[in-house]
C-alpha atoms as a PDB file:
ATOM      1  CA  MET A   1       9.588  44.777  44.010  1.00  0.00           C
ATOM      2  CA  LYS A   2       7.031  44.413  41.259  1.00  0.00           C
ATOM      3  CA  THR A   3       7.603  46.513  38.133  1.00  0.00           C
ATOM      4  CA  THR A   4       4.865  47.783  35.895  1.00  0.00           C
ATOM      5  CA  PRO A   5       4.953  47.639  32.091  1.00  0.00           C
ATOM      6  CA  ARG A   6       6.213  50.696  30.283  1.00  0.00           C
ATOM      7  CA  VAL A   7       4.433  52.752  27.711  1.00  0.00           C
ATOM      8  CA  ARG A   8       6.408  54.709  25.129  1.00  0.00           C
ATOM      9  CA  LEU A   9       5.098  58.186  24.537  1.00  0.00           C
ATOM     10  CA  MET A  10       6.104  60.355  21.634  1.00  0.00           C
ATOM     11  CA  ILE A  11       5.737  64.048  22.359  1.00  0.00           C
ATOM     12  CA  ALA A  12       6.272  66.406  19.452  1.00  0.00           C
ATOM     13  CA  VAL A  13       7.038  70.061  20.126  1.00  0.00           C
ATOM     14  CA  GLY A  14       7.622  72.063  16.966  1.00  0.00           C
ATOM     15  CA  ALA A  15      10.272  70.268  14.938  1.00  0.00           C
ATOM     16  CA  VAL A  16      11.791  68.505  17.929  1.00  0.00           C
ATOM     17  CA  VAL A  17      10.564  65.063  18.956  1.00  0.00           C
ATOM     18  CA  PHE A  18      11.113  63.804  22.474  1.00  0.00           C
ATOM     19  CA  SER A  19      10.758  60.182  23.469  1.00  0.00           C
ATOM     20  CA  ALA A  20       9.843  59.472  27.063  1.00  0.00           C
ATOM     21  CA  ILE A  21       9.260  56.273  29.008  1.00  0.00           C
ATOM     22  CA  VAL A  22       6.385  56.566  31.465  1.00  0.00           C
ATOM     23  CA  MET A  23       5.334  53.972  34.005  1.00  0.00           C
ATOM     24  CA  SER A  24       1.878  52.695  33.066  1.00  0.00           C
ATOM     25  CA  GLY A  25       0.709  53.081  36.661  1.00  0.00           C
ATOM     26  CA  CYS A  26       0.875  56.844  36.165  1.00  0.00           C
ATOM     27  CA  MET A  27      -1.269  56.778  33.058  1.00  0.00           C
ATOM     28  CA  GLU A  28      -3.862  54.110  32.289  1.00  0.00           C
ATOM     29  CA  THR A  29      -4.066  53.232  28.606  1.00  0.00           C
ATOM     30  CA  GLU A  30      -6.056  50.511  26.895  1.00  0.00           C
ATOM     31  CA  PRO A  31      -4.042  48.474  24.407  1.00  0.00           C
ATOM     32  CA  PRO A  32      -5.436  48.892  20.904  1.00  0.00           C
ATOM     33  CA  VAL A  33      -7.468  46.072  19.380  1.00  0.00           C
ATOM     34  CA  VAL A  34      -5.530  44.599  16.472  1.00  0.00           C
ATOM     35  CA  ASN A  35      -6.256  42.386  13.528  1.00  0.00           C
ATOM     36  CA  PHE A  36      -3.972  40.558  11.147  1.00  0.00           C
ATOM     37  CA  ALA A  37      -4.078  41.142   7.415  1.00  0.00           C
ATOM     38  CA  GLU A  38      -2.671  38.292   5.336  1.00  0.00           C
ATOM     39  CA  ALA A  39      -1.808  38.559   1.654  1.00  0.00           C
ATOM     40  CA  ARG A  40      -0.494  35.853  -0.638  1.00  0.00           C
ATOM     41  CA  MET A  41       1.001  35.892  -4.115  1.00  0.00           C
ATOM     42  CA  THR A  42       2.131  32.896  -6.139  1.00  0.00           C
ATOM     43  CA  LEU A  43       5.232  33.509  -8.228  1.00  0.00           C
ATOM     44  CA  GLU A  44       6.510  31.180 -10.955  1.00  0.00           C
ATOM     45  CA  GLU A  45       9.913  31.217 -12.607  1.00  0.00           C
ATOM     46  CA  ALA A  46      11.706  28.501 -14.620  1.00  0.00           C
ATOM     47  CA  GLY A  47       9.317  25.804 -13.413  1.00  0.00           C
ATOM     48  CA  ARG A  48       9.577  26.798  -9.754  1.00  0.00           C
ATOM     49  CA  ARG A  49       6.604  27.886  -7.682  1.00  0.00           C
ATOM     50  CA  ILE A  50       7.217  30.353  -4.850  1.00  0.00           C
ATOM     51  CA  GLU A  51       4.621  31.733  -2.468  1.00  0.00           C
ATOM     52  CA  MET A  52       5.071  35.201  -1.055  1.00  0.00           C
ATOM     53  CA  VAL A  53       3.229  35.821   2.210  1.00  0.00           C
ATOM     54  CA  SER A  54       2.882  39.106   4.023  1.00  0.00           C
ATOM     55  CA  ILE A  55       1.271  39.455   7.433  1.00  0.00           C
ATOM     56  CA  ILE A  56       0.438  42.858   8.852  1.00  0.00           C
ATOM     57  CA  GLN A  57      -0.597  43.383  12.464  1.00  0.00           C
ATOM     58  CA  ARG A  58      -2.547  46.619  12.582  1.00  0.00           C
ATOM     59  CA  GLU A  59      -5.098  48.457  14.628  1.00  0.00           C
ATOM     60  CA  ASP A  60      -8.546  47.049  13.932  1.00  0.00           C
ATOM     61  CA  ASP A  61     -10.689  49.722  12.325  1.00  0.00           C
ATOM     62  CA  GLY A  62     -13.410  47.291  11.253  1.00  0.00           C
ATOM     63  CA  GLU A  63     -12.320  47.270   7.614  1.00  0.00           C
ATOM     64  CA  CYS A  64     -10.145  44.905   5.595  1.00  0.00           C
ATOM     65  CA  PHE A  65      -8.318  46.527   2.714  1.00  0.00           C
ATOM     66  CA  PRO A  66      -4.801  46.220   1.264  1.00  0.00           C
ATOM     67  CA  ASP A  67      -2.499  48.574   3.084  1.00  0.00           C
ATOM     68  CA  PRO A  68       0.475  50.471   1.592  1.00  0.00           C
ATOM     69  CA  LEU A  69       2.967  47.711   2.451  1.00  0.00           C
ATOM     70  CA  TYR A  70       1.021  45.207   0.337  1.00  0.00           C
ATOM     71  CA  ARG A  71       1.078  47.586  -2.611  1.00  0.00           C
ATOM     72  CA  ASP A  72       4.816  48.152  -2.120  1.00  0.00           C
ATOM     73  CA  LEU A  73       5.490  44.398  -2.129  1.00  0.00           C
ATOM     74  CA  GLU A  74       3.623  43.985  -5.415  1.00  0.00           C
ATOM     75  CA  HIS A  75       6.799  45.155  -7.217  1.00  0.00           C
ATOM     76  CA  VAL A  76       8.200  41.665  -6.627  1.00  0.00           C
ATOM     77  CA  CYS A  77       5.727  40.378  -9.238  1.00  0.00           C
ATOM     78  CA  GLU A  78       7.516  42.362 -11.942  1.00  0.00           C
ATOM     79  CA  SER A  79      10.590  40.120 -11.557  1.00  0.00           C
ATOM     80  CA  PHE A  80       8.806  36.828 -12.254  1.00  0.00           C
ATOM     81  CA  GLU A  81       7.425  35.176 -15.403  1.00  0.00           C
ATOM     82  CA  VAL A  82       4.068  34.547 -13.730  1.00  0.00           C
ATOM     83  CA  CYS A  83       2.532  36.254 -10.706  1.00  0.00           C
ATOM     84  CA  LYS A  84      -0.893  35.403  -9.356  1.00  0.00           C
ATOM     85  CA  LYS A  85      -2.224  37.671  -6.671  1.00  0.00           C
ATOM     86  CA  GLY A  86      -4.048  35.505  -4.202  1.00  0.00           C
ATOM     87  CA  GLN A  87      -6.279  36.140  -1.292  1.00  0.00           C
ATOM     88  CA  TYR A  88      -6.161  39.163   0.973  1.00  0.00           C
ATOM     89  CA  SER A  89      -7.922  38.544   4.256  1.00  0.00           C
ATOM     90  CA  CYS A  90      -8.150  39.896   7.775  1.00  0.00           C
ATOM     91  CA  SER A  91      -8.607  37.967  10.995  1.00  0.00           C
ATOM     92  CA  LYS A  92      -8.402  38.444  14.745  1.00  0.00           C
ATOM     93  CA  GLN A  93      -6.436  35.160  14.986  1.00  0.00           C
ATOM     94  CA  LEU A  94      -2.993  34.370  13.612  1.00  0.00           C
ATOM     95  CA  ASN A  95      -1.283  31.083  12.819  1.00  0.00           C
ATOM     96  CA  ASP A  96       1.319  30.276  15.518  1.00  0.00           C
ATOM     97  CA  ARG A  97       4.106  30.074  12.936  1.00  0.00           C
ATOM     98  CA  TYR A  98       3.503  33.682  11.853  1.00  0.00           C
ATOM     99  CA  SER A  99       2.926  34.838  15.420  1.00  0.00           C
ATOM    100  CA  ARG A 100       6.423  33.612  16.308  1.00  0.00           C
ATOM    101  CA  MET A 101       7.802  35.549  13.336  1.00  0.00           C
ATOM    102  CA  LEU A 102       6.122  38.742  14.548  1.00  0.00           C
ATOM    103  CA  ASP A 103       7.954  38.045  17.832  1.00  0.00           C
ATOM    104  CA  LYS A 104      11.218  37.954  15.787  1.00  0.00           C
ATOM    105  CA  ARG A 105      11.927  34.273  16.372  1.00  0.00           C
ATOM    106  CA  LYS A 106      14.009  32.303  13.895  1.00  0.00           C
ATOM    107  CA  ALA A 107      12.164  30.216  11.325  1.00  0.00           C
ATOM    108  CA  SER A 108      12.996  27.676   8.641  1.00  0.00           C
ATOM    109  CA  THR A 109      13.281  30.530   6.139  1.00  0.00           C
ATOM    110  CA  HIS A 110      14.618  34.059   6.295  1.00  0.00           C
ATOM    111  CA  TYR A 111      11.963  36.755   6.494  1.00  0.00           C
ATOM    112  CA  LEU A 112      11.673  40.512   6.705  1.00  0.00           C
ATOM    113  CA  HIS A 113      10.323  41.932   9.972  1.00  0.00           C
ATOM    114  CA  MET A 114       8.973  45.484   9.989  1.00  0.00           C
ATOM    115  CA  ASP A 115       8.063  47.476  13.092  1.00  0.00           C
ATOM    116  CA  ASN A 116       6.367  50.851  12.745  1.00  0.00           C
ATOM    117  CA  THR A 117       7.608  53.190  15.479  1.00  0.00           C
ATOM    118  CA  GLN A 118       4.564  55.471  15.130  1.00  0.00           C
ATOM    119  CA  ASN A 119       1.770  52.953  15.817  1.00  0.00           C
ATOM    120  CA  VAL A 120       1.013  49.303  16.654  1.00  0.00           C
ATOM    121  CA  ASN A 121       1.670  48.091  13.115  1.00  0.00           C
ATOM    122  CA  GLU A 122       4.144  45.275  12.648  1.00  0.00           C
ATOM    123  CA  ALA A 123       4.608  43.126   9.580  1.00  0.00           C
ATOM    124  CA  ILE A 124       6.519  40.225   8.108  1.00  0.00           C
ATOM    125  CA  ALA A 125       7.178  39.289   4.490  1.00  0.00           C
ATOM    126  CA  LEU A 126       8.508  35.887   3.493  1.00  0.00           C
ATOM    127  CA  PHE A 127       8.843  33.493   0.594  1.00  0.00           C
ATOM    128  CA  TRP A 128       8.024  29.784   0.779  1.00  0.00           C
ATOM    129  CA  GLY A 129       9.817  27.647  -1.815  1.00  0.00           C
ATOM    130  CA  LEU A 130      13.234  29.306  -1.727  1.00  0.00           C
ATOM    131  CA  THR A 131      16.446  27.836  -0.387  1.00  0.00           C
ATOM    132  CA  VAL A 132      17.905  29.344   2.778  1.00  0.00           C
ATOM    133  CA  THR A 133      20.461  31.266   0.694  1.00  0.00           C
ATOM    134  CA  GLU A 134      17.787  32.518  -1.721  1.00  0.00           C
ATOM    135  CA  SER A 135      15.444  33.573   1.082  1.00  0.00           C
ATOM    136  CA  LYS A 136      18.254  35.530   2.737  1.00  0.00           C
ATOM    137  CA  ALA A 137      19.079  37.293  -0.545  1.00  0.00           C
ATOM    138  CA  MET A 138      15.406  38.070  -1.249  1.00  0.00           C
ATOM    139  CA  CYS A 139      14.934  39.417   2.281  1.00  0.00           C
ATOM    140  CA  GLN A 140      17.941  41.701   1.866  1.00  0.00           C
ATOM    141  CA  HIS A 141      16.713  42.853  -1.563  1.00  0.00           C
ATOM    142  CA  ILE A 142      13.298  43.846  -0.211  1.00  0.00           C
ATOM    143  CA  LEU A 143      14.846  45.474   2.873  1.00  0.00           C
ATOM    144  CA  ASN A 144      17.132  47.612   0.666  1.00  0.00           C
ATOM    145  CA  ARG A 145      14.251  48.563  -1.618  1.00  0.00           C
ATOM    146  CA  LEU A 146      11.961  49.568   1.258  1.00  0.00           C
ATOM    147  CA  ARG A 147      14.713  51.648   2.863  1.00  0.00           C
ATOM    148  CA  LYS A 148      14.798  53.724  -0.336  1.00  0.00           C
ATOM    149  CA  GLU A 149      11.045  54.271  -0.084  1.00  0.00           C
ATOM    150  CA  LYS A 150       9.016  56.172   2.510  1.00  0.00           C
ATOM    151  CA  TYR A 151       9.788  53.924   5.486  1.00  0.00           C
ATOM    152  CA  GLU A 152      11.959  56.134   7.704  1.00  0.00           C
ATOM    153  CA  HIS A 153       9.605  55.497  10.661  1.00  0.00           C
ATOM    154  CA  VAL A 154       9.823  51.705  10.232  1.00  0.00           C
ATOM    155  CA  THR A 155      12.515  49.483  11.699  1.00  0.00           C
ATOM    156  CA  LEU A 156      13.427  46.852   9.068  1.00  0.00           C
ATOM    157  CA  GLU A 157      15.285  43.641   9.912  1.00  0.00           C
ATOM    158  CA  CYS A 158      16.051  40.391   8.104  1.00  0.00           C
ATOM    159  CA  ILE A 159      15.709  37.448  10.456  1.00  0.00           C
END
């Protein structure tokens, strides 16, 4: 028996939110068109150079502008002697390495995976140039900081 993909619907009635799984055969929906926003910052401390990368998969609205996550990650700059904000770009294509991270696959470094439960947005944040132990600690630090912020509708996970 062939199964059809499922679509998660969120139905809000007053203050109560119901989550229902509906077979897609009952309701045809077009998947949203997405793009990938990539931001880079170069951080320097005690002669070490570290590159922070954030990738955000979001619905393509035809514009490319820093989203709230990018602005929230800028706080990391405050902890380093030197921080150079690099390029911010959007593309319809994504490097395979980062695509695997959006799929929550293990990588050579620890990274933060974020999944917005209210829309198609997903994101990763990682640091190149850290040891495995340092990348795990940095991931946990950012995860804890974001949990204190306005991210109750986002699932956060260090991978």
